[in-house]
Protein backbone atom coordinates (compact mmCIF):
# COMPACT_ATOMS: atom_id res chain seq x y z
CA UNK A 1 18.41 18.25 -18.59
CA UNK A 2 17.55 21.42 -16.76
CA UNK A 3 19.67 24.47 -17.26
CA UNK A 4 21.75 23.70 -14.34
CA UNK A 5 22.63 20.25 -16.01
CA UNK A 6 20.25 18.35 -13.89
CA UNK A 7 17.76 15.88 -14.71
CA UNK A 8 14.33 16.28 -13.57
CA UNK A 9 13.40 13.50 -11.48
CA UNK A 10 10.35 12.13 -10.03
CA UNK A 11 9.99 9.88 -6.93
CA UNK A 12 7.92 8.91 -3.89
CA UNK A 13 9.63 10.11 -0.93
CA UNK A 14 7.62 7.69 1.07
CA UNK A 15 8.80 4.03 -0.25
CA UNK A 16 9.25 2.11 2.42
CA UNK A 17 10.81 -1.44 1.41
CA UNK A 18 14.20 -1.89 1.57
CA UNK A 19 14.63 -1.27 -2.25
CA UNK A 20 12.86 2.08 -1.65
CA UNK A 21 15.08 3.21 0.99
CA UNK A 22 18.28 2.37 -0.98
CA UNK A 23 16.91 4.32 -3.97
CA UNK A 24 16.63 7.48 -1.58
CA UNK A 25 20.19 6.67 -0.44
CA UNK A 26 21.17 6.60 -4.14
CA UNK A 27 19.32 9.79 -5.15
CA UNK A 28 20.92 11.95 -2.01
CA UNK A 29 24.42 10.58 -2.90
CA UNK A 30 24.07 11.89 -6.60
CA UNK A 31 21.92 14.81 -5.70
CA UNK A 32 23.93 17.01 -7.71
CA UNK A 33 22.92 15.23 -10.81
CA UNK A 34 18.91 15.61 -10.00
CA UNK A 35 16.69 18.13 -9.80
CA UNK A 36 14.37 16.02 -7.10
CA UNK A 37 10.90 16.32 -6.79
CA UNK A 38 9.04 14.49 -4.43
CA UNK A 39 5.28 13.53 -5.07
CA UNK A 40 2.55 12.41 -2.53
CA UNK A 41 0.27 10.97 -5.16
CA UNK A 42 0.11 9.70 -8.56
CA UNK A 43 -1.98 12.44 -9.68
CA UNK A 44 0.87 14.81 -8.82
CA UNK A 45 3.59 12.69 -10.19
CA UNK A 46 1.78 12.71 -13.62
CA UNK A 47 1.24 16.53 -13.38
CA UNK A 48 4.95 17.11 -12.44
CA UNK A 49 5.71 15.14 -15.90
CA UNK A 50 3.25 17.10 -18.05
CA UNK A 51 4.65 20.26 -16.90
CA UNK A 52 8.19 19.23 -17.60
CA UNK A 53 7.16 18.19 -20.95
CA UNK A 54 5.22 21.45 -21.45
CA UNK A 55 8.55 23.16 -20.60
CA UNK A 56 10.40 21.30 -23.47
CA UNK A 57 12.42 19.06 -21.05
CA UNK A 58 14.61 16.70 -23.04
CA UNK A 59 14.37 13.76 -20.32
CA UNK A 60 12.27 13.27 -17.23
CA UNK A 61 13.19 10.56 -14.79
CA UNK A 62 10.89 8.28 -12.83
CA UNK A 63 12.62 6.61 -10.15
CA UNK A 64 10.30 4.45 -8.15
CA UNK A 65 8.35 0.96 -9.17
CA UNK A 66 5.67 0.22 -11.86
CA UNK A 67 3.12 2.76 -10.27
CA UNK A 68 5.31 5.89 -10.03
CA UNK A 69 6.58 4.88 -13.81
CA UNK A 70 2.88 4.69 -15.06
CA UNK A 71 1.96 7.96 -13.31
CA UNK A 72 4.87 9.37 -15.34
CA UNK A 73 4.18 7.91 -18.48
CA UNK A 74 0.76 9.49 -18.41
CA UNK A 75 2.10 12.69 -17.80
CA UNK A 76 4.62 12.51 -20.88
CA UNK A 77 2.23 10.64 -23.21
CA UNK A 78 2.11 12.85 -26.47
CA UNK A 79 5.05 14.66 -26.07
CA UNK A 80 8.70 14.89 -27.11
CA UNK A 81 10.11 14.08 -23.74
CA UNK A 82 12.04 10.97 -23.13
CA UNK A 83 11.33 8.67 -20.06
CA UNK A 84 14.32 7.70 -18.27
CA UNK A 85 13.96 4.96 -15.64
CA UNK A 86 15.39 4.15 -12.28
CA UNK A 87 13.99 1.23 -10.79
CA UNK A 88 13.31 1.29 -7.39
CA UNK A 89 10.24 -1.03 -7.13
CA UNK A 90 9.41 -4.42 -6.24
CA UNK A 91 8.96 -5.83 -9.75
CA UNK A 92 10.00 -3.33 -12.13
CA UNK A 93 8.58 -5.35 -15.16
CA UNK A 94 9.04 -2.33 -17.65
CA UNK A 95 12.75 -1.93 -16.79
CA UNK A 96 13.13 -5.78 -17.16
CA UNK A 97 10.97 -5.75 -20.60
CA UNK A 98 13.66 -3.02 -21.87
CA UNK A 99 16.93 -4.75 -20.41
CA UNK A 100 17.42 -1.83 -17.94
CA UNK A 101 19.30 -3.25 -15.09
CA UNK A 102 16.59 -3.46 -12.42
CA UNK A 103 18.71 -4.57 -9.52
CA UNK A 104 21.70 -1.95 -10.04
CA UNK A 105 20.81 1.74 -9.91
CA UNK A 106 24.41 3.01 -10.97
CA UNK A 107 24.16 0.64 -14.06
CA UNK A 108 20.58 1.82 -14.74
CA UNK A 109 21.84 5.46 -14.54
CA UNK A 110 24.46 4.91 -17.02
CA UNK A 111 21.90 3.89 -19.37
CA UNK A 112 20.23 7.28 -18.79
CA UNK A 113 23.55 9.07 -19.36
CA UNK A 114 24.17 7.14 -22.57
CA UNK A 115 21.19 8.81 -24.02
CA UNK A 116 20.03 6.15 -26.41
CA UNK A 117 16.03 6.99 -27.00
CA UNK A 118 13.61 4.67 -28.42
CA UNK A 119 10.10 4.86 -29.55
CA UNK A 120 7.70 2.34 -28.04
CA UNK A 121 3.99 1.92 -28.48
CA UNK A 122 2.01 3.51 -26.18
CA UNK A 123 -1.48 2.01 -25.50
CA UNK A 124 -4.45 2.97 -23.72
CA UNK A 125 -7.58 1.39 -21.47
CA UNK A 126 -10.23 3.67 -21.22
CA UNK A 127 -8.11 6.65 -22.09
CA UNK A 128 -5.82 5.74 -19.21
CA UNK A 129 -2.02 5.04 -20.95
CA UNK A 130 0.12 1.96 -20.33
CA UNK A 131 3.36 0.64 -21.34
CA UNK A 132 3.66 -2.97 -20.43
CA UNK A 133 0.20 -4.48 -19.79
CA UNK A 134 -3.33 -4.25 -18.52
CA UNK A 135 -5.72 -6.51 -16.99
CA UNK A 136 -9.77 -7.12 -16.78
CA UNK A 137 -11.11 -8.99 -14.07
CA UNK A 138 -9.18 -11.82 -12.24
CA UNK A 139 -5.66 -10.00 -11.56
CA UNK A 140 -7.17 -6.76 -11.09
CA UNK A 141 -9.67 -8.14 -8.71
CA UNK A 142 -6.83 -9.68 -6.96
CA UNK A 143 -4.82 -6.21 -6.70
CA UNK A 144 -7.91 -4.89 -5.41
CA UNK A 145 -8.11 -7.36 -2.92
CA UNK A 146 -4.50 -6.94 -1.66
CA UNK A 147 -3.54 -4.40 0.92
CA UNK A 148 -0.05 -2.57 1.63
CA UNK A 149 -0.20 -4.00 5.16
CA UNK A 150 -0.71 -7.77 3.95
CA UNK A 151 2.19 -7.07 1.12
CA UNK A 152 4.46 -5.71 3.96
CA UNK A 153 3.59 -9.01 6.14
CA UNK A 154 3.56 -11.44 3.93
CA UNK A 155 5.14 -10.35 0.22
CA UNK A 156 4.24 -12.31 -2.75
CA UNK A 157 2.04 -14.71 -0.66
CA UNK A 158 -0.26 -11.87 0.19
CA UNK A 159 -1.23 -12.05 -3.76
CA UNK A 160 -1.52 -15.81 -3.45
CA UNK A 161 -3.99 -15.62 -0.72
CA UNK A 162 -5.98 -12.73 -2.62
CA UNK A 163 -6.22 -15.01 -5.28
CA UNK A 164 -7.57 -18.00 -3.47
CA UNK A 165 -10.07 -15.90 -2.39
CA UNK A 166 -11.22 -14.31 -5.47
CA UNK A 167 -11.02 -18.12 -7.23
CA UNK A 168 -14.15 -18.54 -4.94
CA UNK A 169 -16.16 -15.90 -6.52
CA UNK A 170 -18.60 -16.15 -9.29
CA UNK A 171 -16.69 -14.89 -12.25
CA UNK A 172 -17.88 -11.99 -14.64
CA UNK A 173 -18.91 -12.88 -18.33
CA UNK A 174 -17.04 -10.88 -20.63
CA UNK A 175 -17.36 -10.59 -24.47
CA UNK A 176 -14.32 -9.41 -26.80
CA UNK A 177 -14.63 -7.61 -29.93
CA UNK A 178 -11.60 -7.14 -32.06
CA UNK A 179 -11.18 -4.17 -34.53
CA UNK A 180 -11.24 -6.55 -37.39
CA UNK A 181 -14.64 -8.29 -36.04
CA UNK A 182 -13.22 -11.27 -34.21
CA UNK A 183 -15.11 -11.93 -31.35
CA UNK A 184 -14.14 -14.29 -28.09
CA UNK A 185 -15.99 -14.92 -24.95
CA UNK A 186 -14.26 -15.16 -21.54
CA UNK A 187 -13.98 -14.56 -17.72
CA UNK A 188 -10.78 -12.14 -17.70
CA UNK A 189 -8.59 -10.63 -20.02
CA UNK A 190 -4.76 -9.59 -20.13
CA UNK A 191 -3.59 -7.08 -22.90
CA UNK A 192 0.20 -6.94 -23.38
CA UNK A 193 2.19 -4.32 -24.84
CA UNK A 194 5.61 -5.85 -23.69
CA UNK A 195 6.16 -9.88 -23.37
CA UNK A 196 6.47 -9.90 -19.50
CA UNK A 197 3.82 -10.00 -16.79
CA UNK A 198 4.45 -10.01 -13.00
CA UNK A 199 8.16 -9.99 -13.09
CA UNK A 200 9.63 -12.62 -15.45
CA UNK A 201 6.59 -14.31 -16.68
CA UNK A 202 6.86 -14.40 -20.48
CA UNK A 203 3.07 -14.53 -21.14
CA UNK A 204 3.01 -12.75 -24.30
CA UNK A 205 5.61 -14.56 -26.26
CA UNK A 206 4.90 -12.99 -29.77
CA UNK A 207 4.92 -9.14 -28.25
CA UNK A 208 6.65 -6.70 -29.73
CA UNK A 209 6.42 -3.23 -28.29
CA UNK A 210 7.12 -1.76 -31.36
CA UNK A 211 4.49 -3.29 -33.58
CA UNK A 212 1.25 -1.32 -33.03
CA UNK A 213 -0.11 -4.47 -31.95
CA UNK A 214 -1.70 -5.39 -28.59
CA UNK A 215 -1.32 -9.47 -27.57
CA UNK A 216 -4.26 -10.49 -25.59
CA UNK A 217 -4.97 -13.24 -23.42
CA UNK A 218 -8.63 -14.38 -23.11
CA UNK A 219 -9.47 -16.80 -20.23
CA UNK A 220 -12.48 -18.75 -20.87
CA UNK A 221 -12.79 -20.50 -17.55
CA UNK A 222 -12.48 -19.43 -13.81
CA UNK A 223 -11.54 -21.69 -10.77
CA UNK A 224 -8.48 -23.90 -10.20
CA UNK A 225 -8.66 -25.59 -13.66
CA UNK A 226 -7.91 -21.85 -15.04
CA UNK A 227 -5.06 -21.81 -12.39
CA UNK A 228 -3.38 -25.15 -13.22
CA UNK A 229 -3.58 -24.61 -17.10
CA UNK A 230 -1.98 -21.17 -16.58
CA UNK A 231 0.93 -22.61 -14.91
CA UNK A 232 1.44 -25.54 -17.13
CA UNK A 233 1.32 -23.02 -20.16
CA UNK A 234 4.04 -20.79 -18.04
CA UNK A 235 6.13 -23.78 -17.33
CA UNK A 236 5.88 -25.15 -21.09
CA UNK A 237 6.26 -21.72 -22.80
CA UNK A 238 2.90 -20.87 -24.27
CA UNK A 239 -0.55 -20.68 -22.59
CA UNK A 240 -2.47 -21.07 -25.44
CA UNK A 241 -0.52 -24.04 -26.76
CA UNK A 242 -0.83 -25.91 -23.45
CA UNK A 243 -4.16 -24.60 -21.86
CA UNK A 244 -7.55 -25.72 -22.96
CA UNK A 245 -8.70 -22.70 -21.28
CA UNK A 246 -7.00 -19.74 -23.03
CA UNK A 247 -7.00 -18.30 -26.44
CA UNK A 248 -4.23 -15.93 -27.77
CA UNK A 249 -5.09 -12.70 -29.95
CA UNK A 250 -3.29 -10.01 -31.43
CA UNK A 251 -5.29 -6.76 -32.33
CA UNK A 252 -4.64 -3.14 -33.07
CA UNK A 253 -7.58 -2.00 -30.79
CA UNK A 254 -10.51 -4.36 -28.82
CA UNK A 255 -13.57 -3.59 -26.47
CA UNK A 256 -14.05 -5.79 -23.61
CA UNK A 257 -17.83 -5.75 -22.71
CA UNK A 258 -18.54 -7.30 -19.06
CA UNK A 259 -21.96 -8.38 -17.93
CA UNK A 260 -21.21 -6.27 -14.47
CA UNK A 261 -18.69 -3.77 -13.45
CA UNK A 262 -15.07 -5.54 -12.87
CA UNK A 263 -12.11 -3.85 -11.87
CA UNK A 264 -9.60 -2.84 -14.59
CA UNK A 265 -5.54 -2.25 -13.74
CA UNK A 266 -2.86 -0.74 -15.90
CA UNK A 267 0.72 -1.41 -15.64
CA UNK A 268 -0.19 -3.03 -12.00
CA UNK A 269 -2.16 -0.06 -10.68
CA UNK A 270 -6.11 -0.05 -10.45
CA UNK A 271 -7.84 2.37 -12.76
CA UNK A 272 -11.33 1.59 -11.40
CA UNK A 273 -14.30 -0.38 -12.01
CA UNK A 274 -16.01 -0.76 -15.59
CA UNK A 275 -18.82 -2.45 -17.56
CA UNK A 276 -16.98 -1.69 -20.95
CA UNK A 277 -13.23 -1.25 -21.33
CA UNK A 278 -12.04 -0.02 -24.85
CA UNK A 279 -8.05 -0.99 -25.75
CA UNK A 280 -6.35 1.12 -28.52
CA UNK A 281 -3.49 3.19 -29.35
CA UNK A 282 -2.83 6.27 -27.53
CA UNK A 283 -2.53 9.41 -30.02
CA UNK A 284 0.22 9.74 -31.39
CA UNK A 285 0.90 6.25 -30.31
CA UNK A 286 4.44 5.93 -29.41
CA UNK A 287 6.47 6.89 -26.13
CA UNK A 288 10.24 8.05 -26.29
CA UNK A 289 12.14 6.20 -23.52
CA UNK A 290 15.94 5.82 -22.88
CA UNK A 291 17.01 2.34 -23.18
CA UNK A 292 20.04 0.08 -23.61
CA UNK A 293 21.10 -0.83 -27.17
CA UNK A 294 21.14 -4.51 -26.02
CA UNK A 295 19.59 -5.77 -22.74
CA UNK A 296 22.03 -5.39 -19.56
CA UNK A 297 21.77 -8.56 -17.38
CA UNK A 298 21.34 -8.52 -13.66
CA UNK A 299 24.40 -9.06 -11.42
CA UNK A 300 23.13 -12.41 -10.47
CA UNK A 301 22.86 -13.43 -14.13
CA UNK A 302 25.94 -12.12 -14.98
CA UNK A 303 27.88 -13.85 -12.17
CA UNK A 304 26.28 -17.29 -13.07
CA UNK A 305 27.11 -16.95 -16.90
CA UNK A 306 30.59 -16.06 -15.90
CA UNK A 307 30.83 -19.01 -13.54
CA UNK A 308 29.74 -21.20 -16.31
CA UNK A 309 32.22 -19.90 -18.55
CA UNK A 310 35.02 -20.59 -16.06
CA UNK A 311 33.94 -23.79 -15.44
CA UNK A 312 33.63 -24.64 -19.20
CA UNK A 313 37.33 -22.86 -19.94
CA UNK A 314 38.57 -24.53 -17.02
CA UNK A 315 40.73 -27.73 -18.05
CA UNK A 316 40.33 -30.91 -16.92
CA UNK A 317 42.74 -32.34 -14.69
CA UNK A 318 44.97 -35.28 -15.72
CA UNK A 319 44.93 -38.42 -13.60
CA UNK A 320 48.52 -39.54 -13.63
């Protein structure tokens, strides 16, 4: 906290979703607990976080979606300052990964107040830190094709329409070289530090964000066969086990070389276009983050659990 007992908190005041507006109201209602810093860009959020880290702030809070979170992480990388998370975006994948309540800001703030700090792996793609995952090729192309206006009008359908467009394009050819010499070829790559992708899809089922290893999916084919195999793998709990078009690797570092410039995303944000992408541990390779000792379920999930428990407990009425 600051000397006034307030947490430095970085947020995007232009959040236009309903969830973003609710988050702004929460911040205003608890303004005495935060030193609020509104940002106009990811670069500004990153610079603010870095400034607080240099000043020795014990905790810096990121209030927003995965884009705001990634910018703050980049600013805190390599410091002793712990990251606090107030999920206010659409997906909040990293919050879900850590077991932070992603649909209940008061309970998420309780996690920050409890102050339990964990250290997790911090990887980078071409020098850009990420905490959850990064993608080379297909999924980054979909993000590149999806405009904010289409997301506002169509929601998740906007990504689907962009995906259909990208599927019709000729895919790049990629060679993946791991630090131990293993090689693979494919058309797209996903690298996961955590297990989740895009919300609740557990694509990287071997992932552990404290084992200093990246979990890597290499997609061998483009087109609709890839989509169907991927959907089948998600449904059955393991892409590489139920798909002929996907390989699963684990590596401490790797390089992806493409036959042309391809888009790259880190934590859901476009990082640019590159012919070659180097993945590895961000020195010193760890990020301090405030997280619950055990995952805290959402209100919906807990309501369902309570209902199930009640129906199991309720005695069966005997007919006379």
